[in-house]
Protein backbone atom coordinates (compact mmCIF):
# COMPACT_ATOMS: atom_id res chain seq x y z
CA MET A 1 195.04 128.92 -47.33
CA GLN A 2 195.41 130.18 -43.78
CA ILE A 3 198.79 129.65 -42.24
CA THR A 4 198.68 129.90 -38.39
CA ASP A 5 202.54 129.93 -37.74
CA SER A 6 204.16 132.10 -40.27
CA ILE A 7 207.66 131.79 -38.79
CA ALA A 8 207.54 128.02 -39.00
CA ASP A 9 206.44 128.38 -42.66
CA LEU A 10 209.47 130.54 -43.16
CA LEU A 11 212.01 128.06 -41.60
CA THR A 12 210.26 125.20 -43.67
CA ARG A 13 210.54 127.05 -46.97
CA ILE A 14 214.13 127.66 -46.41
CA ARG A 15 214.99 124.17 -45.28
CA ASN A 16 213.20 122.62 -48.26
CA ALA A 17 214.76 125.03 -50.60
CA SER A 18 218.12 124.49 -49.37
CA SER A 19 217.72 120.50 -49.03
CA ALA A 20 216.65 120.72 -52.86
CA LYS A 21 219.66 123.01 -53.64
CA HIS A 22 217.37 125.70 -55.04
CA GLU A 23 219.04 129.12 -55.69
CA THR A 24 216.31 131.24 -54.39
CA VAL A 25 213.05 130.81 -52.49
CA ASP A 26 209.99 133.06 -52.36
CA ILE A 27 208.25 133.60 -48.86
CA PRO A 28 205.13 135.65 -48.24
CA ALA A 29 206.29 138.87 -46.62
CA SER A 30 205.59 140.36 -43.14
CA ASN A 31 207.72 142.65 -40.90
CA MET A 32 208.88 139.77 -38.47
CA LYS A 33 209.93 137.85 -41.53
CA LYS A 34 211.91 140.87 -42.94
CA ALA A 35 213.64 141.18 -39.50
CA ILE A 36 214.32 137.45 -39.30
CA MET A 37 215.75 137.30 -42.86
CA GLN A 38 218.03 140.49 -42.02
CA ILE A 39 219.41 138.59 -39.11
CA LEU A 40 220.12 135.50 -41.33
CA VAL A 41 221.81 137.79 -43.84
CA ASP A 42 223.93 139.68 -41.17
CA GLU A 43 225.07 136.30 -39.66
CA GLY A 44 225.97 134.91 -43.14
CA TYR A 45 223.32 131.95 -43.41
CA VAL A 46 221.68 133.56 -46.29
CA LYS A 47 223.26 135.60 -49.25
CA SER A 48 220.55 138.20 -49.59
CA PHE A 49 217.06 139.02 -49.78
CA THR A 50 214.73 141.32 -51.56
CA VAL A 51 211.15 142.44 -51.10
CA ILE A 52 209.00 142.12 -54.14
CA GLU A 53 205.92 144.34 -53.83
CA ASP A 54 202.80 143.03 -55.67
CA GLY A 55 200.16 145.47 -54.19
CA LYS A 56 198.90 143.02 -51.66
CA GLN A 57 201.27 141.40 -48.92
CA GLY A 58 204.42 141.26 -50.87
CA MET A 59 206.88 138.45 -51.30
CA ILE A 60 210.42 138.02 -49.75
CA ARG A 61 212.87 136.44 -52.34
CA ALA A 62 215.72 134.97 -50.55
CA THR A 63 218.89 134.00 -52.25
CA LEU A 64 220.40 130.92 -50.62
CA LYS A 65 224.18 130.38 -49.65
CA TYR A 66 226.02 127.38 -50.26
CA GLY A 67 229.57 126.12 -49.53
CA GLU A 68 232.04 123.86 -51.56
CA GLY A 69 230.31 121.22 -53.54
CA LYS A 70 226.79 122.86 -53.25
CA THR A 71 226.47 122.01 -49.62
CA PRO A 72 224.26 124.14 -47.81
CA VAL A 73 225.52 126.66 -45.18
CA ILE A 74 222.38 126.33 -42.99
CA THR A 75 222.76 122.57 -41.60
CA GLY A 76 219.68 122.92 -39.35
CA LEU A 77 216.82 125.32 -38.40
CA ARG A 78 214.47 124.49 -35.43
CA ARG A 79 211.31 126.61 -34.44
CA VAL A 80 211.50 126.77 -30.43
CA SER A 81 208.50 129.03 -29.35
CA LYS A 82 205.22 127.93 -31.08
CA PRO A 83 201.81 129.36 -31.00
CA GLY A 84 200.57 126.66 -28.87
CA LEU A 85 203.51 126.93 -26.45
CA ARG A 86 205.45 130.16 -26.00
CA ILE A 87 208.90 129.88 -24.76
CA TYR A 88 210.43 132.91 -23.10
CA SER A 89 213.94 133.49 -21.54
CA SER A 90 215.51 136.05 -19.40
CA VAL A 91 218.93 137.31 -20.42
CA GLU A 92 220.62 135.13 -17.84
CA ASP A 93 218.97 131.89 -18.97
CA MET A 94 219.39 132.70 -22.78
CA PRO A 95 220.20 129.62 -24.52
CA LYS A 96 223.69 128.93 -26.54
CA VAL A 97 223.02 127.07 -29.84
CA LEU A 98 225.80 124.33 -30.26
CA LYS A 99 227.88 125.84 -27.68
CA GLY A 100 227.78 129.24 -29.45
CA LEU A 101 228.40 127.94 -33.03
CA GLY A 102 224.63 128.55 -33.90
CA ILE A 103 222.34 131.42 -33.26
CA ALA A 104 219.00 131.78 -31.39
CA ILE A 105 216.69 134.31 -32.83
CA VAL A 106 214.85 136.18 -30.07
CA SER A 107 211.89 138.56 -30.24
CA THR A 108 212.66 141.19 -27.49
CA SER A 109 211.09 144.55 -26.58
CA LYS A 110 213.89 146.04 -28.54
CA GLY A 111 213.13 144.24 -31.72
CA VAL A 112 214.15 140.92 -33.13
CA MET A 113 217.73 140.09 -32.68
CA THR A 114 220.30 137.12 -32.04
CA ASP A 115 220.96 135.63 -28.59
CA ARG A 116 224.42 137.38 -28.60
CA GLN A 117 223.05 140.61 -29.16
CA ALA A 118 220.20 140.20 -26.49
CA ARG A 119 222.97 139.60 -24.00
CA LYS A 120 224.79 142.68 -25.15
CA GLU A 121 221.65 144.64 -24.75
CA ASN A 122 220.60 143.07 -21.61
CA VAL A 123 217.20 141.95 -22.55
CA GLY A 124 215.43 138.67 -22.50
CA GLY A 125 212.29 137.81 -24.80
CA GLU A 126 210.72 135.08 -26.71
CA ILE A 127 212.93 132.44 -28.27
CA LEU A 128 211.62 132.22 -31.77
CA ALA A 129 214.25 129.81 -33.60
CA PHE A 130 217.63 128.11 -33.37
CA ILE A 131 219.59 128.01 -36.69
CA TRP A 132 223.07 126.41 -37.05
C-alpha cells in the first residue's frame, strides 16, 4: 500500500497506539521519521525508539510513555503542513503551541527541530506538526 503522507501516518500510528494503551508501536522507517522521533524523545513525549533493520526500509519501534494511571503523555498530535497545502513560517511568525506548553516540529534548512530551537537558531521553515 502506497502512503502519500508518511508523517501523518507516523502521527496517526502514535495517536492510535497511545489511545489503545499499547507499550510499543512499529512504524516504517525514514530519515525524516527518525528525526521526528528523536525530537519526541528529547522533549519527553516518548520513552525511546530503536531502528530495526530488516534489509529493506527498516522499522522504528517506539516505546510510548504514560503517566499516572496509564494516561498518555501525548494528549494531542496535529499535522499542520500537508502534501496538498504546505505551511511555511518565518522565525518572526513561528507559532507557539498552547502558549508554549506544546511543541511545533519544524523542518528547516538546518534540519528538523522544535519551534524553540528554530527561534534560537533564527531560522524559519515548514511547520510539520503540533504536539501537546
